[in-house]
N, C-alpha and C. Protein backbone atom coordinates (compact mmCIF):
# COMPACT_ATOMS: atom_id res chain seq x y z
N UNK A 1 0.74 -1.09 -0.25
CA UNK A 1 0.08 0.06 -0.04
C UNK A 1 0.82 1.17 -0.05
N UNK A 2 1.79 1.09 0.80
CA UNK A 2 2.90 2.32 1.24
C UNK A 2 3.49 2.40 -0.30
N UNK A 3 3.60 1.61 -0.80
CA UNK A 3 4.47 1.62 -2.31
C UNK A 3 3.49 2.40 -3.35
N UNK A 4 2.12 2.07 -3.68
CA UNK A 4 1.11 2.68 -4.21
C UNK A 4 0.97 3.93 -4.05
N UNK A 5 1.02 4.40 -2.51
CA UNK A 5 0.77 5.59 -2.39
C UNK A 5 1.88 6.75 -2.87
N UNK A 6 3.47 5.90 -2.58
CA UNK A 6 4.49 6.86 -3.64
C UNK A 6 4.65 6.73 -4.52
N UNK A 7 3.99 5.69 -5.50
CA UNK A 7 4.35 5.64 -7.06
C UNK A 7 3.10 6.61 -7.40
N UNK A 8 1.81 6.84 -6.72
CA UNK A 8 0.84 7.93 -7.14
C UNK A 8 1.39 9.62 -7.05
N UNK A 9 2.01 10.02 -5.89
CA UNK A 9 2.93 10.77 -5.51
C UNK A 9 3.96 11.22 -6.95
N UNK A 10 4.40 10.40 -6.74
CA UNK A 10 5.60 10.51 -7.99
C UNK A 10 4.89 10.84 -9.22
N UNK A 11 4.11 10.01 -9.24
CA UNK A 11 3.23 10.47 -10.88
C UNK A 11 2.53 11.66 -10.88
N UNK A 12 1.72 12.31 -9.86
CA UNK A 12 1.33 13.40 -9.38
C UNK A 12 2.41 14.76 -9.99
N UNK A 13 3.56 14.73 -9.29
CA UNK A 13 5.06 15.54 -9.14
C UNK A 13 5.22 15.37 -10.56
N UNK A 14 5.31 14.39 -11.33
CA UNK A 14 5.62 14.62 -12.67
C UNK A 14 4.74 15.56 -13.88
N UNK A 15 3.49 14.91 -13.15
CA UNK A 15 2.52 15.73 -14.12
C UNK A 15 2.19 17.19 -13.52
N UNK A 16 2.60 17.87 -12.66
CA UNK A 16 3.02 18.84 -11.96
C UNK A 16 4.19 19.49 -12.34
N UNK A 17 5.17 18.91 -12.75
CA UNK A 17 6.07 19.52 -13.29
C UNK A 17 6.30 19.53 -14.97
N UNK A 18 5.49 18.90 -15.66
CA UNK A 18 5.42 18.96 -17.18
C UNK A 18 4.67 20.11 -17.77
N UNK A 19 3.59 20.85 -16.28
CA UNK A 19 2.67 21.71 -16.87
C UNK A 19 3.75 23.16 -16.62
N UNK A 20 4.73 23.00 -16.33
CA UNK A 20 5.87 24.14 -15.96
C UNK A 20 6.79 24.69 -17.12
N UNK A 21 6.82 23.84 -18.08
CA UNK A 21 7.35 24.37 -18.94
C UNK A 21 7.17 25.73 -19.86
N UNK A 22 8.33 26.75 -20.05
CA UNK A 22 8.03 28.10 -20.81
C UNK A 22 8.83 28.01 -22.19
N UNK A 23 8.41 28.72 -22.82
CA UNK A 23 8.73 28.94 -23.80
C UNK A 23 8.81 30.70 -24.21
N UNK A 24 10.34 31.17 -24.07
CA UNK A 24 10.24 32.47 -23.89
C UNK A 24 11.33 32.60 -25.60
N UNK A 25 11.29 34.06 -25.84
CA UNK A 25 11.91 34.43 -27.01
C UNK A 25 12.09 35.76 -27.08
N UNK A 26 12.71 36.01 -28.52
CA UNK A 26 13.06 37.68 -28.87
C UNK A 26 12.48 37.79 -30.35
N UNK A 27 12.18 38.86 -30.83
CA UNK A 27 11.93 38.57 -32.13
C UNK A 27 12.30 40.18 -32.69
N UNK A 28 13.38 39.99 -33.81
CA UNK A 28 14.32 40.93 -34.38
C UNK A 28 13.80 40.87 -35.73
N UNK A 29 14.56 42.24 -36.30
CA UNK A 29 14.67 41.88 -37.82
C UNK A 29 15.83 41.36 -38.06
N UNK A 30 16.56 41.32 -39.78
CA UNK A 30 17.91 41.26 -39.75
C UNK A 30 18.93 42.29 -39.49
N UNK A 31 18.53 43.34 -39.05
CA UNK A 31 19.54 44.19 -38.53
C UNK A 31 19.31 43.81 -36.85
N UNK A 32 18.79 43.28 -36.45
CA UNK A 32 18.75 42.99 -34.67
C UNK A 32 18.35 43.77 -34.21
N UNK A 33 17.21 44.88 -34.93
CA UNK A 33 16.65 46.03 -34.46
C UNK A 33 15.38 44.89 -33.41
N UNK A 34 15.11 44.76 -32.41
CA UNK A 34 13.95 44.44 -31.64
C UNK A 34 12.66 44.61 -32.48
N UNK A 35 11.47 43.78 -32.24
CA UNK A 35 10.37 44.43 -33.22
C UNK A 35 9.06 44.10 -32.14
N UNK A 36 9.19 45.20 -31.38
CA UNK A 36 7.87 45.25 -30.15
C UNK A 36 6.78 45.61 -30.70
N UNK A 37 5.79 44.66 -30.04
CA UNK A 37 4.31 44.57 -30.31
C UNK A 37 4.16 43.54 -31.64
N UNK A 38 4.89 42.93 -31.73
CA UNK A 38 4.44 41.91 -33.20
C UNK A 38 3.68 40.71 -32.57
N UNK A 39 3.09 40.23 -33.36
CA UNK A 39 2.03 38.93 -32.74
C UNK A 39 2.76 37.93 -33.26
N UNK A 40 2.51 36.88 -31.56
CA UNK A 40 3.35 35.46 -31.70
C UNK A 40 1.86 34.64 -31.47
N UNK A 41 1.90 33.72 -31.67
CA UNK A 41 0.80 32.42 -31.44
C UNK A 41 1.62 31.28 -31.46
N UNK A 42 0.91 30.33 -30.57
CA UNK A 42 1.38 28.92 -30.29
C UNK A 42 0.59 28.34 -30.37
N UNK A 43 0.39 27.31 -31.56
CA UNK A 43 -0.79 26.16 -31.85
C UNK A 43 -0.07 24.74 -31.27
N UNK A 44 -0.66 24.14 -30.19
CA UNK A 44 -0.82 22.90 -29.91
C UNK A 44 -0.72 22.01 -30.75
N UNK A 45 -0.12 21.33 -31.85
CA UNK A 45 -0.55 20.27 -32.60
C UNK A 45 -1.27 19.40 -32.06
N UNK A 46 -1.11 18.44 -31.03
CA UNK A 46 -1.79 17.87 -30.34
C UNK A 46 -3.23 17.98 -30.00
N UNK A 47 -3.41 19.32 -28.89
CA UNK A 47 -4.93 19.59 -28.69
C UNK A 47 -5.54 20.79 -29.75
N UNK A 48 -4.73 21.13 -30.90
CA UNK A 48 -5.42 22.11 -31.22
C UNK A 48 -5.50 23.49 -30.54
N UNK A 49 -4.70 23.63 -29.30
CA UNK A 49 -5.55 24.98 -28.57
C UNK A 49 -4.15 26.04 -29.06
N UNK A 50 -4.76 26.67 -29.41
CA UNK A 50 -4.01 28.21 -29.93
C UNK A 50 -4.06 29.18 -28.50
N UNK A 51 -2.91 29.85 -28.47
CA UNK A 51 -2.55 30.53 -27.25
C UNK A 51 -2.05 31.61 -28.26
N UNK A 52 -1.95 33.15 -27.66
CA UNK A 52 -1.56 34.22 -28.70
C UNK A 52 -1.15 35.51 -27.72
N UNK A 53 0.09 36.54 -28.04
CA UNK A 53 0.38 37.41 -27.42
C UNK A 53 1.12 38.43 -28.06
N UNK A 54 1.15 39.36 -27.07
CA UNK A 54 2.71 40.30 -28.17
C UNK A 54 3.56 40.45 -28.05
N UNK A 55 4.58 40.57 -28.24
CA UNK A 55 5.96 40.96 -27.71
C UNK A 55 5.76 42.25 -27.26
N UNK A 56 6.92 42.71 -26.18
CA UNK A 56 6.97 43.95 -25.40
C UNK A 56 7.44 44.74 -25.84
N UNK A 57 7.98 46.05 -25.68
CA UNK A 57 8.65 46.59 -26.64
C UNK A 57 10.12 46.39 -26.93
N UNK A 58 10.66 45.70 -26.18
CA UNK A 58 12.21 45.31 -26.70
C UNK A 58 11.78 43.85 -27.41
N UNK A 59 10.70 43.32 -27.85
CA UNK A 59 10.27 42.25 -29.22
C UNK A 59 10.62 40.70 -27.84
N UNK A 60 10.45 40.86 -26.77
CA UNK A 60 10.65 39.42 -25.96
C UNK A 60 9.12 39.29 -25.82
N UNK A 61 9.08 38.22 -25.58
CA UNK A 61 7.94 37.08 -25.19
C UNK A 61 7.33 36.10 -24.66
N UNK A 62 6.69 35.26 -23.99
CA UNK A 62 6.72 34.36 -23.15
C UNK A 62 5.72 33.47 -23.00
N UNK A 63 5.51 32.50 -23.11
CA UNK A 63 4.33 31.72 -22.69
C UNK A 63 4.76 30.55 -21.72
N UNK A 64 3.75 30.59 -20.47
CA UNK A 64 3.90 29.78 -19.64
C UNK A 64 3.30 29.02 -19.64
N UNK A 65 3.55 27.76 -18.43
CA UNK A 65 2.79 26.68 -18.25
C UNK A 65 2.54 25.79 -19.47
N UNK A 66 3.20 25.38 -20.09
CA UNK A 66 3.44 24.58 -21.42
C UNK A 66 3.34 22.77 -21.00
N UNK A 67 2.52 22.12 -21.96
CA UNK A 67 2.95 20.56 -21.60
C UNK A 67 3.78 20.45 -22.79
N UNK A 68 4.26 19.15 -22.21
CA UNK A 68 5.45 18.60 -23.06
C UNK A 68 4.69 18.22 -24.73
N UNK A 69 5.13 18.40 -25.90
CA UNK A 69 4.60 18.24 -27.15
C UNK A 69 4.79 18.75 -28.55
N UNK A 70 4.15 19.02 -29.46
CA UNK A 70 4.57 19.52 -30.76
C UNK A 70 3.84 20.92 -30.72
N UNK A 71 4.26 21.99 -31.10
CA UNK A 71 3.72 22.95 -31.60
C UNK A 71 3.99 23.92 -33.00
N UNK A 72 3.45 24.81 -33.35
CA UNK A 72 3.46 25.44 -34.69
C UNK A 72 3.52 26.71 -33.91
N UNK A 73 5.01 27.50 -34.20
CA UNK A 73 5.07 28.96 -33.53
C UNK A 73 4.95 29.78 -34.58
N UNK A 74 4.25 30.63 -34.58
CA UNK A 74 4.06 31.62 -35.89
C UNK A 74 3.91 33.29 -35.48
N UNK A 75 5.15 34.26 -36.08
CA UNK A 75 5.10 35.60 -35.60
C UNK A 75 4.75 36.32 -36.85
N UNK A 76 3.92 37.40 -36.44
CA UNK A 76 3.61 38.32 -37.37
C UNK A 76 4.02 39.30 -37.13
N UNK A 77 4.48 40.59 -38.00
CA UNK A 77 4.66 41.99 -37.78
C UNK A 77 4.34 43.13 -39.26
N UNK A 78 3.54 43.77 -39.21
CA UNK A 78 3.06 44.37 -40.93
C UNK A 78 4.50 45.00 -41.08
N UNK A 79 4.63 44.49 -42.69
CA UNK A 79 5.86 45.18 -43.24
C UNK A 79 7.21 43.67 -43.16
N UNK A 80 6.61 43.04 -42.47
CA UNK A 80 7.73 41.40 -42.74
C UNK A 80 6.80 40.75 -43.37
N UNK A 81 7.52 39.19 -43.27
CA UNK A 81 7.18 38.27 -44.01
C UNK A 81 6.56 37.31 -42.67
N UNK A 82 5.30 36.69 -42.72
CA UNK A 82 5.07 36.26 -41.69
C UNK A 82 6.57 34.84 -41.61
N UNK A 83 6.48 34.59 -40.17
CA UNK A 83 7.17 33.40 -39.56
C UNK A 83 6.65 32.18 -39.23
N UNK A 84 6.91 30.99 -39.33
CA UNK A 84 6.17 29.57 -38.99
C UNK A 84 7.82 28.74 -38.91
N UNK A 85 7.15 27.98 -37.44
CA UNK A 85 8.13 27.07 -37.21
C UNK A 85 7.69 25.68 -36.55
N UNK A 86 8.00 24.83 -36.85
CA UNK A 86 7.17 24.01 -35.48
C UNK A 86 8.42 23.48 -34.51
N UNK A 87 7.98 23.23 -33.40
CA UNK A 87 8.71 23.11 -32.30
C UNK A 87 8.18 21.71 -31.59
N UNK A 88 9.41 21.09 -31.04
CA UNK A 88 8.79 19.80 -30.21
C UNK A 88 9.40 20.50 -28.72
N UNK A 89 8.72 20.53 -27.99
CA UNK A 89 8.93 21.28 -26.38
C UNK A 89 8.67 20.32 -25.48
N UNK A 90 10.26 19.83 -25.04
CA UNK A 90 9.93 18.94 -24.21
C UNK A 90 10.81 19.45 -22.31
N UNK A 91 11.42 20.81 -22.58
CA UNK A 91 11.69 21.34 -21.46
C UNK A 91 12.04 22.92 -21.85
N UNK A 92 11.92 23.79 -20.74
CA UNK A 92 11.93 25.28 -21.23
C UNK A 92 12.75 25.34 -22.52
N UNK A 93 12.37 26.43 -23.25
CA UNK A 93 12.97 26.63 -24.52
C UNK A 93 13.23 28.44 -24.95
N UNK A 94 13.98 28.31 -25.67
CA UNK A 94 14.32 30.00 -25.59
C UNK A 94 14.79 29.94 -27.00
N UNK A 95 13.51 30.69 -28.17
CA UNK A 95 14.10 30.56 -29.58
C UNK A 95 14.25 32.47 -29.74
N UNK A 96 14.95 32.28 -31.31
CA UNK A 96 15.34 33.68 -31.37
C UNK A 96 14.75 33.86 -33.18
N UNK A 97 13.79 34.77 -32.90
CA UNK A 97 13.24 34.90 -34.35
C UNK A 97 13.21 35.65 -35.03
N UNK A 98 14.27 35.61 -35.96
CA UNK A 98 14.75 37.20 -37.15
C UNK A 98 13.24 36.75 -38.26
N UNK A 99 12.60 37.93 -38.22
CA UNK A 99 11.76 38.17 -39.54
C UNK A 99 12.28 39.22 -40.76
N UNK A 100 11.76 38.72 -41.75
CA UNK A 100 12.49 39.51 -43.27
C UNK A 100 11.69 40.43 -43.48
N UNK A 101 11.87 41.39 -44.36
CA UNK A 101 10.92 42.78 -44.23
C UNK A 101 10.73 41.95 -46.01
N UNK A 102 9.43 42.11 -46.11
CA UNK A 102 8.41 42.01 -47.18
C UNK A 102 8.17 42.95 -48.33
N UNK A 103 8.19 42.49 -49.47
CA UNK A 103 8.18 43.60 -50.49
C UNK A 103 6.58 43.96 -50.93
N UNK A 104 5.55 43.43 -50.24
CA UNK A 104 3.92 43.26 -50.62
C UNK A 104 3.46 44.76 -49.88
N UNK A 105 3.08 45.23 -51.32
CA UNK A 105 2.46 46.76 -50.86
C UNK A 105 1.39 46.55 -50.29
N UNK A 106 1.06 47.24 -49.16
CA UNK A 106 -0.68 47.39 -48.94
C UNK A 106 -1.50 48.30 -49.96
N UNK A 107 -2.72 47.71 -50.28
CA UNK A 107 -2.96 48.58 -51.20
C UNK A 107 -4.11 50.23 -50.29
N UNK A 108 -4.46 51.04 -51.45
CA UNK A 108 -5.07 52.15 -50.68
C UNK A 108 -5.98 52.15 -50.21
N UNK A 109 -5.96 52.98 -48.98
CA UNK A 109 -7.03 53.31 -47.95
C UNK A 109 -8.02 54.74 -48.23
N UNK A 110 -9.32 54.40 -48.71
CA UNK A 110 -10.21 55.42 -49.28
C UNK A 110 -10.92 55.95 -47.75
N UNK A 111 -11.08 57.15 -47.59
CA UNK A 111 -12.33 57.26 -46.53
C UNK A 111 -12.92 58.69 -46.66
N UNK A 112 -14.32 58.23 -46.62
CA UNK A 112 -15.28 59.17 -47.24
C UNK A 112 -16.12 59.57 -45.83
N UNK A 113 -16.87 60.57 -46.18
CA UNK A 113 -17.91 61.08 -45.04
C UNK A 113 -18.69 62.14 -45.90
N UNK A 114 -19.87 62.00 -45.30
CA UNK A 114 -20.85 62.87 -45.64
C UNK A 114 -21.27 63.55 -44.82
N UNK A 115 -21.49 65.03 -45.11
CA UNK A 115 -22.43 65.55 -44.10
C UNK A 115 -24.15 65.44 -44.45
N UNK A 116 -24.60 65.87 -42.90
CA UNK A 116 -25.94 65.47 -42.97
C UNK A 116 -26.47 66.91 -43.66
N UNK A 117 -27.63 66.59 -44.50
CA UNK A 117 -28.43 67.77 -45.49
C UNK A 117 -28.55 69.02 -44.22
N UNK A 118 -29.41 68.40 -43.23
CA UNK A 118 -29.49 69.71 -42.59
C UNK A 118 -28.96 69.38 -41.21
N UNK A 119 -28.42 70.49 -40.33
CA UNK A 119 -27.40 70.50 -39.30
C UNK A 119 -28.64 71.78 -38.23
N UNK A 120 -29.01 70.74 -37.45
CA UNK A 120 -29.80 71.78 -36.43
C UNK A 120 -28.83 71.60 -35.07
N UNK A 121 -28.48 73.39 -34.54
CA UNK A 121 -28.09 73.11 -33.46
C UNK A 121 -28.62 74.40 -32.76
N UNK A 122 -28.49 74.91 -31.79
CA UNK A 122 -29.25 75.85 -30.54
C UNK A 122 -29.03 77.43 -31.23
N UNK A 123 -27.93 77.85 -32.23
CA UNK A 123 -28.10 78.90 -32.77
C UNK A 123 -28.23 78.97 -33.79
N UNK A 124 -28.82 78.25 -35.26
CA UNK A 124 -28.50 78.42 -36.28
C UNK A 124 -29.01 76.75 -36.72
N UNK A 125 -29.75 76.78 -38.14
CA UNK A 125 -30.02 76.14 -38.66
C UNK A 125 -28.99 75.97 -40.18
N UNK A 126 -28.56 74.93 -40.40
CA UNK A 126 -27.48 75.13 -41.22
C UNK A 126 -27.83 73.60 -42.50
N UNK A 127 -27.94 74.46 -43.94
CA UNK A 127 -28.34 73.42 -45.12
C UNK A 127 -26.83 73.27 -45.64
N UNK A 128 -26.81 72.02 -45.86
CA UNK A 128 -25.65 71.46 -46.33
C UNK A 128 -25.84 71.11 -48.13
N UNK A 129 -25.31 72.27 -48.69
CA UNK A 129 -26.40 72.07 -50.52
C UNK A 129 -25.29 70.96 -50.83
N UNK A 130 -24.03 70.67 -50.26
CA UNK A 130 -23.63 69.76 -51.29
C UNK A 130 -23.59 68.48 -50.71
N UNK A 131 -24.47 68.03 -49.59
CA UNK A 131 -25.19 67.06 -49.19
C UNK A 131 -26.23 66.69 -49.34
N UNK A 132 -27.06 67.81 -50.16
CA UNK A 132 -28.48 67.32 -51.00
C UNK A 132 -28.27 66.78 -52.58
N UNK A 133 -28.53 65.87 -52.72
CA UNK A 133 -28.83 65.04 -54.19
C UNK A 133 -29.62 65.93 -54.96
N UNK A 134 -30.53 66.77 -54.66
CA UNK A 134 -31.14 67.40 -55.44
C UNK A 134 -30.78 68.55 -55.63
N UNK A 135 -29.61 69.66 -55.07
CA UNK A 135 -29.21 70.63 -55.49
C UNK A 135 -27.79 70.08 -56.49
N UNK A 136 -27.41 69.37 -56.27
CA UNK A 136 -26.11 69.31 -57.39
C UNK A 136 -26.43 69.55 -58.91
N UNK A 137 -25.67 70.20 -59.31
CA UNK A 137 -25.60 70.75 -60.81
C UNK A 137 -26.69 71.94 -61.00
N UNK A 138 -27.23 72.58 -59.63
CA UNK A 138 -28.02 73.84 -60.03
C UNK A 138 -27.34 74.95 -59.61
N UNK A 139 -28.08 76.26 -59.69
CA UNK A 139 -27.01 77.48 -59.60
C UNK A 139 -27.96 77.83 -57.87
N UNK A 140 -26.96 78.59 -57.32
CA UNK A 140 -27.23 78.94 -55.47
C UNK A 140 -28.89 79.15 -55.93
N UNK A 141 -29.21 80.08 -56.28
CA UNK A 141 -30.76 80.32 -56.34
C UNK A 141 -31.75 78.86 -56.30
N UNK A 142 -31.71 78.20 -57.13
CA UNK A 142 -32.33 77.15 -56.87
C UNK A 142 -32.21 76.10 -56.05
N UNK A 143 -30.73 76.09 -55.46
CA UNK A 143 -30.24 75.09 -54.08
C UNK A 143 -30.93 76.10 -52.97
N UNK A 144 -30.87 77.32 -52.84
CA UNK A 144 -31.39 77.97 -51.79
C UNK A 144 -32.65 77.68 -51.60
N UNK A 145 -33.50 77.27 -53.08
CA UNK A 145 -35.29 77.24 -52.85
C UNK A 145 -35.45 75.94 -52.51
N UNK A 146 -34.34 75.09 -52.55
CA UNK A 146 -35.01 73.66 -52.06
C UNK A 146 -34.60 73.78 -50.49
N UNK A 147 -34.15 74.67 -49.87
CA UNK A 147 -34.07 74.85 -48.24
C UNK A 147 -35.55 75.05 -47.60
N UNK A 148 -36.03 73.92 -46.92
CA UNK A 148 -37.38 73.88 -46.08
C UNK A 148 -37.33 75.43 -45.27
N UNK A 149 -38.56 75.96 -45.91
CA UNK A 149 -38.93 77.18 -45.44
C UNK A 149 -38.22 78.57 -45.90
N UNK A 150 -37.69 78.50 -47.27
CA UNK A 150 -36.99 79.26 -47.93
C UNK A 150 -37.73 79.47 -49.03
N UNK A 151 -38.26 80.63 -49.85
CA UNK A 151 -38.68 80.44 -50.82
C UNK A 151 -37.94 81.94 -51.78
N UNK A 152 -37.78 81.59 -53.18
CA UNK A 152 -37.35 82.12 -54.29
C UNK A 152 -38.58 82.39 -55.40
N UNK A 153 -38.82 83.60 -55.51
CA UNK A 153 -39.40 84.46 -56.65
C UNK A 153 -38.25 84.91 -57.13
N UNK A 154 -37.87 84.37 -58.45
CA UNK A 154 -37.51 85.51 -59.33
C UNK A 154 -35.80 85.63 -58.62
N UNK A 155 -35.69 86.69 -58.23
CA UNK A 155 -34.36 87.15 -57.37
C UNK A 155 -34.69 87.67 -56.34
N UNK A 156 -36.02 87.22 -55.72
CA UNK A 156 -36.23 87.71 -54.22
C UNK A 156 -36.22 86.62 -53.57
N UNK A 157 -35.76 86.55 -52.53
CA UNK A 157 -35.49 85.25 -51.36
C UNK A 157 -36.55 85.66 -50.13
N UNK A 158 -37.49 84.87 -49.63
CA UNK A 158 -37.96 84.92 -48.32
C UNK A 158 -37.96 83.79 -47.75
N UNK A 159 -38.28 84.19 -46.53
CA UNK A 159 -38.22 83.34 -45.51
C UNK A 159 -39.73 83.06 -44.81
N UNK A 160 -39.98 81.67 -44.99
CA UNK A 160 -41.13 81.87 -44.49
C UNK A 160 -41.56 81.89 -42.66
N UNK A 161 -42.63 82.64 -42.90
CA UNK A 161 -42.64 83.16 -41.46
C UNK A 161 -41.79 84.47 -40.94
N UNK A 162 -40.82 84.68 -41.19
CA UNK A 162 -39.68 85.66 -41.08
C UNK A 162 -40.19 87.02 -41.83
N UNK A 163 -40.61 87.11 -42.86
CA UNK A 163 -40.50 88.41 -43.99
C UNK A 163 -39.48 88.25 -44.90
N UNK A 164 -39.66 89.16 -45.84
CA UNK A 164 -38.41 89.51 -46.63
C UNK A 164 -37.05 89.21 -46.31
N UNK A 165 -36.25 88.99 -46.95
CA UNK A 165 -34.77 88.77 -46.14
C UNK A 165 -33.97 89.61 -47.42
N UNK A 166 -34.72 90.04 -48.19
CA UNK A 166 -33.89 90.80 -49.57
C UNK A 166 -33.16 92.45 -49.33
N UNK A 167 -33.76 92.74 -47.62
CA UNK A 167 -33.56 94.08 -47.59
C UNK A 167 -34.13 94.69 -46.90
N UNK A 168 -35.51 94.54 -47.30
CA UNK A 168 -36.60 95.35 -47.02
C UNK A 168 -36.99 95.97 -45.41
């Protein structure tokens, strides 16, 4: 009975120790400059469990509490070719990853915005002619005539309920 208890204790101790494996490393470019905040992921081949993190400002990373087994280490950073390497981890492991610059150009980014046709704030009502599709391609008087509450009659402009605004 004493032998069985000792055997169980040793099995528990070995299992506990195997969960304490660390994978640490650094990520640099070909000039040995640290690549801070690069994305690093570690995929356990056996369990399909994926862990991800970012390197610190000095390009260092660490995965804690790993089990022995086969892993796939992937490192990615904008402007560099993605690095992938299979690892067999049986004890604490230190890796040094050197990323190569990529010649891939990013495509263009187009940012567009549209103003609201009518902006109503505490002091005034603003009518954005450029935001109104019905006013596009017309002259100023025609565009102003499309503003709610404004009447245009020839060269006379009047605001409904306010009287004439042509200086009279």
